Structure formats: C-alpha cells, structure tokens
Amino acid sequence: MKSTIIAALIASAAAFAPASQKASSSALKAFEEELGAQAPLGFFDPLGIVADGDQAKFDRLRYVEIKHGRICMLGVVGYLVNAAGIYLPGDIDYSGTKFSDLGYGWDASFAVPVAGALQVLAFVGFLELFVMKDSANGAEPGEFVGDFRNGALDFGWDSFDEETKLTKRAVELNQGRAAQMGMLALMVHDKLGNVEDFFPN
C-alpha cells in the first residue's frame, strides 16, 4: 500500500514540475506556458521526467494527474461526510450489516464485504475501460486532456468563453492537487490513529 501511494504521488507530481538543468533550453521551455505552471513554482519537474519535451508523455502525465485529483476530491469529501456520521441508508449486505456499521477510513475499507468490494472494483474497471476516455487516450471529441464528456455530457461547458474555460480548468487542477495532499494526510493520520484530532468537536 505504501509503494502504491508513493508511486501515485510521483506520477501526479511529475506533470507540473521544472525540467532538470541538463535539459536543452527548448525542452525546458516546452511546458512553461502549460496550464498549471503557476507562481510561485512555475513549471516544476525536479526529476526531469518531461525534460525531453515529449508532448505525448506530458499529456499522459497530465491526464493521470487530473484523474487522480478528481478521485481524491471525491475521496476527501466521502471521508469527511462519513466522519461526520452521514451514511447511505439501509444495509450493505443481506446479513443486515448497515452502511453506518462500517465506520470510515481504513476500518471501513476492510469492513466492506468481499462481494461488495468486487462489485466496486468491477464498476471502476468498467468506467476505466469503456466510459472515462479523453483525447489523451484516443476518445473523440476532446478539447483537452481530461475532457471526459465524450460528446455526451456538456453541462454548459460550450457556453463559456476560452478564458473562462482555462480558469475553470486551472481551478480544478489546483483543487485536485490539494485534494491529493489532503487524501494522503487523511490516510496517514487515520493509520496513526489521530485523525479525529483534526476534526472540529
């Protein structure tokens, strides 16, 4: 589990990082104007993962960063909602185990019945393979990396001007980055046993 968390952090951090000093100046400048290269760090790639200026590699890393950010935004909200005592009504299985009996955090993850966990895994796999496609992995149409509308959903996106679209994408990217750090902090403190010290009484 620790190696998975570390790998996810490295993969998500790479998409918004300054290239190494050894890289050519054209490779260094390749992504300085990309969305997410913001003050005070600018384009931040301390490991030089995209120092070669490969746009396809950058797009793939950005796709992963956006997707992980969205997942973590949902995860943080879900964690905090359950920690506040709000659960789905009813039972999670036929033996009468209620959603509220599971708790939250790591304890809830391990308390979910195996059949329920497999259903969640199958649903996420279905979404990953057939639904959540964007321009970075061949879906059309796609205006930008992370555009999962797939020609079906819009919610008024096409009514925004280009500057508003760019602002909204930057906000989502930054909130996703913050949520990744927040989810990591919740997971660590949950395992340490002191996560409740951070919640208001």
N, C-alpha and C. Protein backbone atom coordinates (compact mmCIF):
# COMPACT_ATOMS: atom_id res chain seq x y z
N MET A 1 0.83 -1.19 0.00
CA MET A 1 0.00 0.00 0.00
C MET A 1 0.87 1.25 0.00
N LYS A 2 1.97 1.21 0.79
CA LYS A 2 2.83 2.39 0.84
C LYS A 2 3.46 2.67 -0.52
N SER A 3 3.90 1.60 -1.21
CA SER A 3 4.52 1.81 -2.51
C SER A 3 3.51 2.34 -3.53
N THR A 4 2.26 1.93 -3.42
CA THR A 4 1.22 2.44 -4.31
C THR A 4 1.01 3.93 -4.09
N ILE A 5 0.97 4.35 -2.85
CA ILE A 5 0.79 5.76 -2.52
C ILE A 5 1.97 6.58 -3.03
N ILE A 6 3.19 6.08 -2.82
CA ILE A 6 4.39 6.79 -3.28
C ILE A 6 4.40 6.89 -4.79
N ALA A 7 4.06 5.78 -5.49
CA ALA A 7 4.04 5.81 -6.95
C ALA A 7 3.00 6.80 -7.47
N ALA A 8 1.83 6.85 -6.81
CA ALA A 8 0.79 7.78 -7.24
C ALA A 8 1.24 9.23 -7.05
N LEU A 9 1.92 9.50 -5.95
CA LEU A 9 2.40 10.86 -5.70
C LEU A 9 3.44 11.27 -6.73
N ILE A 10 4.37 10.37 -7.05
CA ILE A 10 5.41 10.68 -8.03
C ILE A 10 4.79 10.92 -9.39
N ALA A 11 3.84 10.06 -9.78
CA ALA A 11 3.20 10.20 -11.09
C ALA A 11 2.42 11.50 -11.19
N SER A 12 1.71 11.87 -10.13
CA SER A 12 0.91 13.09 -10.19
C SER A 12 1.77 14.34 -10.10
N ALA A 13 2.86 14.26 -9.36
CA ALA A 13 3.73 15.43 -9.21
C ALA A 13 4.51 15.72 -10.47
N ALA A 14 4.77 14.69 -11.27
CA ALA A 14 5.61 14.86 -12.44
C ALA A 14 5.01 15.78 -13.48
N ALA A 15 3.70 15.85 -13.56
CA ALA A 15 3.06 16.61 -14.62
C ALA A 15 3.17 18.11 -14.43
N PHE A 16 3.55 18.56 -13.24
CA PHE A 16 3.65 20.01 -13.05
C PHE A 16 4.98 20.40 -12.45
N ALA A 17 6.02 19.79 -12.92
CA ALA A 17 7.29 20.00 -12.37
C ALA A 17 8.36 20.62 -13.31
N PRO A 18 9.63 21.71 -12.82
CA PRO A 18 10.61 22.29 -13.74
C PRO A 18 11.63 21.28 -14.21
N ALA A 19 11.97 21.31 -15.45
CA ALA A 19 12.90 20.34 -16.01
C ALA A 19 14.27 20.48 -15.41
N SER A 20 15.07 19.41 -15.52
CA SER A 20 16.42 19.43 -14.94
C SER A 20 17.29 20.42 -15.69
N GLN A 21 18.39 20.84 -15.04
CA GLN A 21 19.27 21.85 -15.61
C GLN A 21 20.02 21.34 -16.83
N LYS A 22 20.15 20.01 -16.95
CA LYS A 22 20.89 19.44 -18.05
C LYS A 22 20.10 19.46 -19.35
N ALA A 23 18.81 19.65 -19.27
CA ALA A 23 17.98 19.61 -20.47
C ALA A 23 18.25 20.83 -21.34
N SER A 24 17.99 20.66 -22.63
CA SER A 24 18.18 21.79 -23.54
C SER A 24 17.20 22.89 -23.22
N SER A 25 17.54 24.12 -23.65
CA SER A 25 16.68 25.24 -23.31
C SER A 25 15.34 25.14 -24.01
N SER A 26 15.27 24.56 -25.21
CA SER A 26 13.98 24.41 -25.88
C SER A 26 13.11 23.39 -25.15
N ALA A 27 13.72 22.31 -24.62
CA ALA A 27 12.95 21.33 -23.85
C ALA A 27 12.47 21.96 -22.55
N LEU A 28 13.31 22.80 -21.95
CA LEU A 28 12.92 23.46 -20.71
C LEU A 28 11.72 24.36 -20.91
N LYS A 29 11.68 25.02 -22.06
CA LYS A 29 10.60 25.98 -22.32
C LYS A 29 9.35 25.33 -22.88
N ALA A 30 9.41 24.03 -23.19
CA ALA A 30 8.30 23.36 -23.86
C ALA A 30 7.00 23.43 -23.07
N PHE A 31 7.07 23.37 -21.76
CA PHE A 31 5.86 23.28 -20.95
C PHE A 31 5.69 24.44 -19.97
N GLU A 32 6.52 25.48 -20.09
CA GLU A 32 6.45 26.60 -19.16
C GLU A 32 5.13 27.36 -19.25
N GLU A 33 4.47 27.29 -20.38
CA GLU A 33 3.21 28.02 -20.56
C GLU A 33 1.99 27.09 -20.41
N GLU A 34 2.22 25.86 -20.02
CA GLU A 34 1.11 24.91 -19.87
C GLU A 34 0.24 25.29 -18.67
N LEU A 35 -1.02 24.88 -18.74
CA LEU A 35 -1.93 25.05 -17.62
C LEU A 35 -1.33 24.38 -16.39
N GLY A 36 -1.35 25.07 -15.27
CA GLY A 36 -0.82 24.50 -14.03
C GLY A 36 0.57 24.98 -13.69
N ALA A 37 1.26 25.59 -14.64
CA ALA A 37 2.57 26.17 -14.36
C ALA A 37 2.33 27.57 -13.80
N GLN A 38 2.18 27.65 -12.48
CA GLN A 38 1.76 28.89 -11.85
C GLN A 38 2.74 29.32 -10.78
N ALA A 39 2.72 30.60 -10.48
CA ALA A 39 3.58 31.13 -9.42
C ALA A 39 3.20 30.47 -8.10
N PRO A 40 4.11 30.29 -7.19
CA PRO A 40 5.50 30.73 -7.22
C PRO A 40 6.45 29.73 -7.87
N LEU A 41 6.05 28.48 -8.11
CA LEU A 41 6.97 27.48 -8.64
C LEU A 41 7.11 27.50 -10.15
N GLY A 42 6.09 27.94 -10.85
CA GLY A 42 6.12 27.85 -12.30
C GLY A 42 6.01 26.39 -12.71
N PHE A 43 6.69 26.02 -13.78
CA PHE A 43 6.70 24.64 -14.22
C PHE A 43 7.71 23.88 -13.37
N PHE A 44 7.25 22.86 -12.66
CA PHE A 44 8.06 22.21 -11.63
C PHE A 44 8.25 20.73 -11.97
N ASP A 45 9.45 20.36 -12.37
CA ASP A 45 9.78 18.97 -12.72
C ASP A 45 11.16 18.65 -12.18
N PRO A 46 11.30 18.51 -10.85
CA PRO A 46 12.62 18.32 -10.26
C PRO A 46 13.30 17.01 -10.69
N LEU A 47 12.53 16.01 -11.11
CA LEU A 47 13.12 14.75 -11.55
C LEU A 47 13.41 14.73 -13.05
N GLY A 48 13.03 15.77 -13.74
CA GLY A 48 13.29 15.86 -15.17
C GLY A 48 12.55 14.82 -16.00
N ILE A 49 11.37 14.43 -15.56
CA ILE A 49 10.62 13.38 -16.24
C ILE A 49 10.18 13.80 -17.64
N VAL A 50 9.84 15.06 -17.81
CA VAL A 50 9.45 15.54 -19.14
C VAL A 50 10.47 16.54 -19.69
N ALA A 51 11.71 16.41 -19.26
CA ALA A 51 12.75 17.33 -19.71
C ALA A 51 13.06 17.18 -21.19
N ASP A 52 12.67 16.06 -21.79
CA ASP A 52 12.91 15.86 -23.22
C ASP A 52 11.91 16.59 -24.10
N GLY A 53 10.89 17.22 -23.49
CA GLY A 53 9.91 17.99 -24.25
C GLY A 53 8.89 17.14 -24.98
N ASP A 54 8.74 15.87 -24.60
CA ASP A 54 7.80 14.95 -25.25
C ASP A 54 6.37 15.31 -24.86
N GLN A 55 5.60 15.86 -25.82
CA GLN A 55 4.23 16.30 -25.55
C GLN A 55 3.32 15.14 -25.19
N ALA A 56 3.49 13.99 -25.83
CA ALA A 56 2.63 12.83 -25.54
C ALA A 56 2.84 12.36 -24.10
N LYS A 57 4.09 12.36 -23.64
CA LYS A 57 4.38 11.95 -22.26
C LYS A 57 3.78 12.96 -21.28
N PHE A 58 3.93 14.24 -21.58
CA PHE A 58 3.35 15.27 -20.73
C PHE A 58 1.83 15.12 -20.66
N ASP A 59 1.19 14.90 -21.82
CA ASP A 59 -0.26 14.76 -21.84
C ASP A 59 -0.71 13.56 -21.02
N ARG A 60 0.02 12.46 -21.10
CA ARG A 60 -0.34 11.27 -20.32
C ARG A 60 -0.21 11.56 -18.82
N LEU A 61 0.87 12.22 -18.42
CA LEU A 61 1.05 12.54 -17.01
C LEU A 61 0.00 13.54 -16.53
N ARG A 62 -0.36 14.49 -17.37
CA ARG A 62 -1.39 15.45 -17.00
C ARG A 62 -2.74 14.74 -16.84
N TYR A 63 -3.03 13.80 -17.76
CA TYR A 63 -4.26 13.01 -17.67
C TYR A 63 -4.32 12.27 -16.33
N VAL A 64 -3.22 11.65 -15.96
CA VAL A 64 -3.16 10.90 -14.70
C VAL A 64 -3.31 11.85 -13.51
N GLU A 65 -2.68 13.02 -13.59
CA GLU A 65 -2.79 14.00 -12.51
C GLU A 65 -4.23 14.47 -12.33
N ILE A 66 -4.90 14.78 -13.44
CA ILE A 66 -6.29 15.25 -13.36
C ILE A 66 -7.19 14.14 -12.82
N LYS A 67 -7.01 12.93 -13.31
CA LYS A 67 -7.86 11.82 -12.86
C LYS A 67 -7.65 11.54 -11.38
N HIS A 68 -6.41 11.49 -10.94
CA HIS A 68 -6.14 11.27 -9.52
C HIS A 68 -6.66 12.41 -8.67
N GLY A 69 -6.57 13.63 -9.19
CA GLY A 69 -7.12 14.77 -8.46
C GLY A 69 -8.62 14.66 -8.29
N ARG A 70 -9.32 14.25 -9.35
CA ARG A 70 -10.78 14.09 -9.26
C ARG A 70 -11.14 12.99 -8.28
N ILE A 71 -10.42 11.88 -8.33
CA ILE A 71 -10.69 10.77 -7.41
C ILE A 71 -10.46 11.22 -5.97
N CYS A 72 -9.39 11.96 -5.74
CA CYS A 72 -9.09 12.41 -4.38
C CYS A 72 -10.08 13.46 -3.89
N MET A 73 -10.57 14.31 -4.80
CA MET A 73 -11.61 15.25 -4.36
C MET A 73 -12.83 14.49 -3.87
N LEU A 74 -13.24 13.45 -4.60
CA LEU A 74 -14.36 12.62 -4.15
C LEU A 74 -14.01 11.89 -2.85
N GLY A 75 -12.76 11.41 -2.76
CA GLY A 75 -12.34 10.66 -1.58
C GLY A 75 -12.33 11.50 -0.32
N VAL A 76 -11.82 12.72 -0.42
CA VAL A 76 -11.77 13.59 0.76
C VAL A 76 -13.19 13.93 1.21
N VAL A 77 -14.05 14.28 0.27
CA VAL A 77 -15.43 14.60 0.63
C VAL A 77 -16.11 13.38 1.24
N GLY A 78 -15.93 12.22 0.64
CA GLY A 78 -16.53 11.00 1.17
C GLY A 78 -16.04 10.67 2.56
N TYR A 79 -14.75 10.83 2.78
CA TYR A 79 -14.17 10.56 4.10
C TYR A 79 -14.79 11.48 5.15
N LEU A 80 -14.83 12.77 4.83
CA LEU A 80 -15.34 13.76 5.79
C LEU A 80 -16.84 13.60 6.03
N VAL A 81 -17.59 13.24 4.99
CA VAL A 81 -19.03 13.02 5.16
C VAL A 81 -19.27 11.85 6.11
N ASN A 82 -18.55 10.74 5.89
CA ASN A 82 -18.69 9.58 6.79
C ASN A 82 -18.19 9.88 8.18
N ALA A 83 -17.10 10.65 8.29
CA ALA A 83 -16.58 11.01 9.61
C ALA A 83 -17.58 11.88 10.37
N ALA A 84 -18.41 12.61 9.64
CA ALA A 84 -19.45 13.44 10.26
C ALA A 84 -20.68 12.62 10.64
N GLY A 85 -20.66 11.32 10.34
CA GLY A 85 -21.77 10.45 10.72
C GLY A 85 -22.87 10.32 9.69
N ILE A 86 -22.60 10.75 8.47
CA ILE A 86 -23.60 10.67 7.41
C ILE A 86 -23.28 9.45 6.53
N TYR A 87 -24.24 8.55 6.41
CA TYR A 87 -24.05 7.32 5.64
C TYR A 87 -25.24 7.08 4.73
N LEU A 88 -25.07 6.21 3.75
CA LEU A 88 -26.19 5.78 2.94
C LEU A 88 -27.17 5.03 3.83
N PRO A 89 -28.45 5.14 3.57
CA PRO A 89 -29.42 4.38 4.38
C PRO A 89 -29.41 2.91 3.97
N GLY A 90 -29.87 2.07 4.86
CA GLY A 90 -30.05 0.66 4.52
C GLY A 90 -28.85 -0.20 4.82
N ASP A 91 -28.91 -1.42 4.28
CA ASP A 91 -27.89 -2.43 4.54
C ASP A 91 -26.95 -2.56 3.36
N ILE A 92 -25.70 -2.93 3.66
CA ILE A 92 -24.72 -3.16 2.62
C ILE A 92 -24.70 -4.61 2.17
N ASP A 93 -25.27 -5.49 2.96
CA ASP A 93 -25.34 -6.91 2.58
C ASP A 93 -26.63 -7.54 3.09
N TYR A 94 -26.85 -8.79 2.72
CA TYR A 94 -28.09 -9.47 3.10
C TYR A 94 -28.11 -9.93 4.55
N SER A 95 -26.96 -9.89 5.22
CA SER A 95 -26.92 -10.33 6.62
C SER A 95 -27.34 -9.22 7.58
N GLY A 96 -27.63 -8.03 7.06
CA GLY A 96 -28.14 -6.95 7.90
C GLY A 96 -27.09 -5.94 8.32
N THR A 97 -25.88 -6.00 7.76
CA THR A 97 -24.85 -5.01 8.07
C THR A 97 -25.22 -3.68 7.44
N LYS A 98 -25.36 -2.66 8.26
CA LYS A 98 -25.73 -1.34 7.75
C LYS A 98 -24.49 -0.59 7.26
N PHE A 99 -24.69 0.33 6.34
CA PHE A 99 -23.58 1.18 5.89
C PHE A 99 -22.95 1.90 7.09
N SER A 100 -23.79 2.33 8.01
CA SER A 100 -23.29 3.07 9.17
C SER A 100 -22.48 2.19 10.11
N ASP A 101 -22.59 0.87 10.00
CA ASP A 101 -21.80 -0.04 10.84
C ASP A 101 -20.34 -0.11 10.40
N LEU A 102 -20.06 0.34 9.19
CA LEU A 102 -18.71 0.21 8.64
C LEU A 102 -17.73 1.21 9.23
N GLY A 103 -18.19 2.36 9.66
CA GLY A 103 -17.29 3.41 10.13
C GLY A 103 -16.77 4.21 8.95
N TYR A 104 -15.52 4.66 9.05
CA TYR A 104 -14.92 5.43 7.96
C TYR A 104 -13.42 5.18 7.95
N GLY A 105 -12.77 5.61 6.89
CA GLY A 105 -11.33 5.45 6.76
C GLY A 105 -10.92 4.02 6.46
N TRP A 106 -9.73 3.66 6.93
CA TRP A 106 -9.20 2.32 6.67
C TRP A 106 -10.12 1.24 7.22
N ASP A 107 -10.67 1.48 8.42
CA ASP A 107 -11.55 0.47 9.03
C ASP A 107 -12.73 0.14 8.11
N ALA A 108 -13.31 1.16 7.50
CA ALA A 108 -14.43 0.93 6.60
C ALA A 108 -13.99 0.18 5.35
N SER A 109 -12.78 0.47 4.86
CA SER A 109 -12.28 -0.22 3.67
C SER A 109 -12.19 -1.72 3.89
N PHE A 110 -11.74 -2.11 5.07
CA PHE A 110 -11.58 -3.53 5.36
C PHE A 110 -12.86 -4.18 5.85
N ALA A 111 -13.85 -3.39 6.23
CA ALA A 111 -15.11 -3.94 6.73
C ALA A 111 -16.11 -4.22 5.61
N VAL A 112 -15.87 -3.69 4.42
CA VAL A 112 -16.77 -3.93 3.30
C VAL A 112 -16.70 -5.42 2.94
N PRO A 113 -17.86 -6.07 2.80
CA PRO A 113 -17.86 -7.49 2.41
C PRO A 113 -17.14 -7.69 1.07
N VAL A 114 -16.52 -8.85 0.89
CA VAL A 114 -15.73 -9.12 -0.31
C VAL A 114 -16.58 -8.95 -1.57
N ALA A 115 -17.81 -9.44 -1.55
CA ALA A 115 -18.68 -9.32 -2.73
C ALA A 115 -18.92 -7.85 -3.08
N GLY A 116 -19.08 -7.01 -2.07
CA GLY A 116 -19.27 -5.58 -2.30
C GLY A 116 -18.03 -4.92 -2.87
N ALA A 117 -16.88 -5.30 -2.34
CA ALA A 117 -15.62 -4.75 -2.84
C ALA A 117 -15.39 -5.16 -4.29
N LEU A 118 -15.73 -6.39 -4.63
CA LEU A 118 -15.58 -6.86 -6.01
C LEU A 118 -16.53 -6.11 -6.95
N GLN A 119 -17.73 -5.78 -6.48
CA GLN A 119 -18.66 -5.01 -7.31
C GLN A 119 -18.11 -3.61 -7.58
N VAL A 120 -17.54 -3.00 -6.56
CA VAL A 120 -16.94 -1.67 -6.73
C VAL A 120 -15.78 -1.76 -7.72
N LEU A 121 -14.92 -2.77 -7.57
CA LEU A 121 -13.79 -2.97 -8.47
C LEU A 121 -14.26 -3.17 -9.91
N ALA A 122 -15.30 -3.97 -10.11
CA ALA A 122 -15.82 -4.21 -11.45
C ALA A 122 -16.40 -2.93 -12.05
N PHE A 123 -17.10 -2.14 -11.24
CA PHE A 123 -17.68 -0.88 -11.73
C PHE A 123 -16.59 0.11 -12.13
N VAL A 124 -15.57 0.24 -11.29
CA VAL A 124 -14.46 1.15 -11.60
C VAL A 124 -13.73 0.67 -12.85
N GLY A 125 -13.54 -0.64 -12.97
CA GLY A 125 -12.90 -1.18 -14.17
C GLY A 125 -13.70 -0.89 -15.43
N PHE A 126 -15.02 -1.03 -15.34
CA PHE A 126 -15.89 -0.71 -16.47
C PHE A 126 -15.75 0.76 -16.86
N LEU A 127 -15.79 1.65 -15.86
CA LEU A 127 -15.64 3.08 -16.15
C LEU A 127 -14.29 3.36 -16.80
N GLU A 128 -13.24 2.75 -16.27
CA GLU A 128 -11.89 2.99 -16.78
C GLU A 128 -11.74 2.52 -18.23
N LEU A 129 -12.31 1.36 -18.54
CA LEU A 129 -12.11 0.78 -19.87
C LEU A 129 -13.07 1.32 -20.93
N PHE A 130 -14.29 1.67 -20.53
CA PHE A 130 -15.30 1.99 -21.55
C PHE A 130 -15.90 3.39 -21.48
N VAL A 131 -15.82 4.07 -20.35
CA VAL A 131 -16.51 5.35 -20.21
C VAL A 131 -15.54 6.52 -20.11
N MET A 132 -14.62 6.46 -19.18
CA MET A 132 -13.73 7.59 -18.90
C MET A 132 -12.59 7.68 -19.91
N LYS A 133 -12.92 8.14 -21.10
CA LYS A 133 -11.94 8.29 -22.16
C LYS A 133 -11.81 9.77 -22.50
N ASP A 134 -10.61 10.17 -22.86
CA ASP A 134 -10.41 11.56 -23.27
C ASP A 134 -9.46 11.61 -24.45
N SER A 135 -9.12 12.82 -24.86
CA SER A 135 -8.28 12.98 -26.04
C SER A 135 -6.89 12.39 -25.85
N ALA A 136 -6.42 12.23 -24.61
CA ALA A 136 -5.09 11.67 -24.36
C ALA A 136 -5.06 10.17 -24.62
N ASN A 137 -6.21 9.52 -24.59
CA ASN A 137 -6.20 8.08 -24.86
C ASN A 137 -7.16 7.72 -26.00
N GLY A 138 -7.28 8.61 -26.96
CA GLY A 138 -7.95 8.29 -28.21
C GLY A 138 -9.42 8.61 -28.33
N ALA A 139 -10.07 9.13 -27.32
CA ALA A 139 -11.50 9.42 -27.40
C ALA A 139 -11.72 10.71 -28.19
N GLU A 140 -12.80 10.76 -28.90
CA GLU A 140 -13.17 11.95 -29.65
C GLU A 140 -14.62 12.27 -29.35
N PRO A 141 -15.08 13.50 -29.31
CA PRO A 141 -14.19 14.66 -29.35
C PRO A 141 -13.60 14.93 -27.98
N GLY A 142 -12.51 15.62 -27.94
CA GLY A 142 -11.91 16.01 -26.68
C GLY A 142 -11.15 17.30 -26.87
N GLU A 143 -11.56 18.33 -26.18
CA GLU A 143 -10.90 19.63 -26.32
C GLU A 143 -9.55 19.65 -25.65
N PHE A 144 -9.40 18.89 -24.57
CA PHE A 144 -8.19 18.96 -23.76
C PHE A 144 -8.02 17.64 -23.01
N VAL A 145 -6.84 17.44 -22.49
CA VAL A 145 -6.58 16.26 -21.68
C VAL A 145 -7.45 16.32 -20.44
N GLY A 146 -8.17 15.24 -20.17
CA GLY A 146 -9.08 15.21 -19.03
C GLY A 146 -10.51 15.54 -19.38
N ASP A 147 -10.80 15.76 -20.66
CA ASP A 147 -12.15 16.06 -21.12
C ASP A 147 -12.90 14.74 -21.31
N PHE A 148 -13.70 14.37 -20.31
CA PHE A 148 -14.41 13.09 -20.33
C PHE A 148 -15.85 13.22 -20.83
N ARG A 149 -16.18 14.31 -21.48
CA ARG A 149 -17.56 14.48 -21.93
C ARG A 149 -17.92 13.46 -23.01
N ASN A 150 -16.95 13.05 -23.82
CA ASN A 150 -17.16 12.03 -24.85
C ASN A 150 -18.34 12.35 -25.77
N GLY A 151 -18.60 13.61 -25.99
CA GLY A 151 -19.68 14.00 -26.88
C GLY A 151 -21.07 13.83 -26.30
N ALA A 152 -21.17 13.40 -25.03
CA ALA A 152 -22.49 13.12 -24.45
C ALA A 152 -22.88 14.13 -23.38
N LEU A 153 -21.95 14.55 -22.56
CA LEU A 153 -22.24 15.46 -21.45
C LEU A 153 -21.67 16.84 -21.75
N ASP A 154 -22.36 17.86 -21.33
CA ASP A 154 -21.85 19.20 -21.56
C ASP A 154 -21.98 20.09 -20.34
N PHE A 155 -23.16 20.12 -19.71
CA PHE A 155 -23.42 20.94 -18.53
C PHE A 155 -23.06 22.40 -18.74
N GLY A 156 -23.22 22.91 -19.97
CA GLY A 156 -23.00 24.31 -20.26
C GLY A 156 -21.57 24.68 -20.58
N TRP A 157 -20.67 23.69 -20.68
CA TRP A 157 -19.25 23.98 -20.93
C TRP A 157 -19.07 24.77 -22.22
N ASP A 158 -19.79 24.41 -23.25
CA ASP A 158 -19.62 25.07 -24.54
C ASP A 158 -20.11 26.52 -24.55
N SER A 159 -20.83 26.93 -23.51
CA SER A 159 -21.31 28.31 -23.44
C SER A 159 -20.25 29.26 -22.86
N PHE A 160 -19.17 28.72 -22.28
CA PHE A 160 -18.12 29.56 -21.70
C PHE A 160 -17.15 30.05 -22.76
N ASP A 161 -16.59 31.26 -22.54
CA ASP A 161 -15.54 31.72 -23.45
C ASP A 161 -14.23 31.02 -23.09
N GLU A 162 -13.22 31.15 -23.94
CA GLU A 162 -11.97 30.41 -23.77
C GLU A 162 -11.25 30.77 -22.47
N GLU A 163 -11.29 32.04 -22.09
CA GLU A 163 -10.63 32.46 -20.85
C GLU A 163 -11.30 31.83 -19.62
N THR A 164 -12.62 31.78 -19.62
CA THR A 164 -13.35 31.16 -18.51
C THR A 164 -13.06 29.67 -18.44
N LYS A 165 -13.01 29.00 -19.60
CA LYS A 165 -12.69 27.58 -19.63
C LYS A 165 -11.30 27.32 -19.03
N LEU A 166 -10.34 28.15 -19.43
CA LEU A 166 -8.98 27.98 -18.93
C LEU A 166 -8.92 28.20 -17.42
N THR A 167 -9.64 29.22 -16.93
CA THR A 167 -9.69 29.49 -15.50
C THR A 167 -10.30 28.32 -14.74
N LYS A 168 -11.40 27.78 -15.25
CA LYS A 168 -12.06 26.65 -14.58
C LYS A 168 -11.18 25.42 -14.58
N ARG A 169 -10.46 25.18 -15.66
CA ARG A 169 -9.55 24.04 -15.71
C ARG A 169 -8.39 24.22 -14.72
N ALA A 170 -7.88 25.45 -14.60
CA ALA A 170 -6.80 25.72 -13.65
C ALA A 170 -7.27 25.52 -12.21
N VAL A 171 -8.49 25.97 -11.92
CA VAL A 171 -9.05 25.80 -10.58
C VAL A 171 -9.18 24.31 -10.26
N GLU A 172 -9.72 23.54 -11.22
CA GLU A 172 -9.86 22.10 -10.99
C GLU A 172 -8.50 21.43 -10.77
N LEU A 173 -7.52 21.81 -11.56
CA LEU A 173 -6.18 21.23 -11.43
C LEU A 173 -5.59 21.52 -10.06
N ASN A 174 -5.71 22.76 -9.60
CA ASN A 174 -5.16 23.12 -8.28
C ASN A 174 -5.93 22.47 -7.15
N GLN A 175 -7.25 22.40 -7.27
CA GLN A 175 -8.03 21.74 -6.23
C GLN A 175 -7.73 20.25 -6.20
N GLY A 176 -7.49 19.65 -7.36
CA GLY A 176 -7.11 18.25 -7.42
C GLY A 176 -5.77 18.00 -6.76
N ARG A 177 -4.83 18.91 -6.97
CA ARG A 177 -3.52 18.78 -6.32
C ARG A 177 -3.67 18.87 -4.81
N ALA A 178 -4.47 19.83 -4.35
CA ALA A 178 -4.68 19.97 -2.90
C ALA A 178 -5.39 18.74 -2.34
N ALA A 179 -6.36 18.20 -3.09
CA ALA A 179 -7.09 17.02 -2.62
C ALA A 179 -6.18 15.81 -2.53
N GLN A 180 -5.22 15.69 -3.45
CA GLN A 180 -4.28 14.57 -3.36
C GLN A 180 -3.46 14.65 -2.08
N MET A 181 -3.02 15.84 -1.74
CA MET A 181 -2.29 16.01 -0.48
C MET A 181 -3.21 15.79 0.72
N GLY A 182 -4.46 16.26 0.61
CA GLY A 182 -5.42 16.07 1.70
C GLY A 182 -5.76 14.62 1.92
N MET A 183 -5.95 13.87 0.83
CA MET A 183 -6.26 12.45 0.95
C MET A 183 -5.09 11.70 1.57
N LEU A 184 -3.89 12.04 1.15
CA LEU A 184 -2.70 11.41 1.74
C LEU A 184 -2.63 11.69 3.23
N ALA A 185 -2.88 12.94 3.62
CA ALA A 185 -2.83 13.30 5.04
C ALA A 185 -3.90 12.56 5.84
N LEU A 186 -5.12 12.46 5.29
CA LEU A 186 -6.17 11.72 5.98
C LEU A 186 -5.80 10.26 6.15
N MET A 187 -5.24 9.65 5.11
CA MET A 187 -4.86 8.24 5.18
C MET A 187 -3.76 8.02 6.22
N VAL A 188 -2.76 8.89 6.21
CA VAL A 188 -1.64 8.74 7.15
C VAL A 188 -2.13 8.92 8.59
N HIS A 189 -2.89 9.98 8.83
CA HIS A 189 -3.35 10.23 10.21
C HIS A 189 -4.39 9.21 10.66
N ASP A 190 -5.15 8.66 9.72
CA ASP A 190 -6.08 7.59 10.07
C ASP A 190 -5.30 6.37 10.56
N LYS A 191 -4.20 6.04 9.88
CA LYS A 191 -3.38 4.90 10.30
C LYS A 191 -2.66 5.20 11.62
N LEU A 192 -2.27 6.45 11.81
CA LEU A 192 -1.60 6.83 13.07
C LEU A 192 -2.57 6.85 14.24
N GLY A 193 -3.87 6.93 13.94
CA GLY A 193 -4.88 6.92 14.99
C GLY A 193 -5.22 8.28 15.56
N ASN A 194 -4.73 9.35 14.92
CA ASN A 194 -5.01 10.68 15.47
C ASN A 194 -5.79 11.57 14.51
N VAL A 195 -6.45 10.98 13.50
CA VAL A 195 -7.16 11.78 12.52
C VAL A 195 -8.28 12.60 13.15
N GLU A 196 -8.90 12.09 14.20
CA GLU A 196 -10.01 12.80 14.83
C GLU A 196 -9.56 14.07 15.55
N ASP A 197 -8.26 14.18 15.83
CA ASP A 197 -7.74 15.40 16.44
C ASP A 197 -7.89 16.60 15.52
N PHE A 198 -8.05 16.34 14.21
CA PHE A 198 -8.14 17.42 13.24
C PHE A 198 -9.57 17.84 12.94
N PHE A 199 -10.55 17.09 13.43
CA PHE A 199 -11.95 17.40 13.18
C PHE A 199 -12.49 18.29 14.30
N PRO A 200 -13.37 19.23 13.94
CA PRO A 200 -13.98 20.07 14.99
C PRO A 200 -14.90 19.24 15.88
N ASN A 201 -14.99 19.64 17.14
CA ASN A 201 -15.86 18.92 18.08
C ASN A 201 -17.27 19.44 18.02
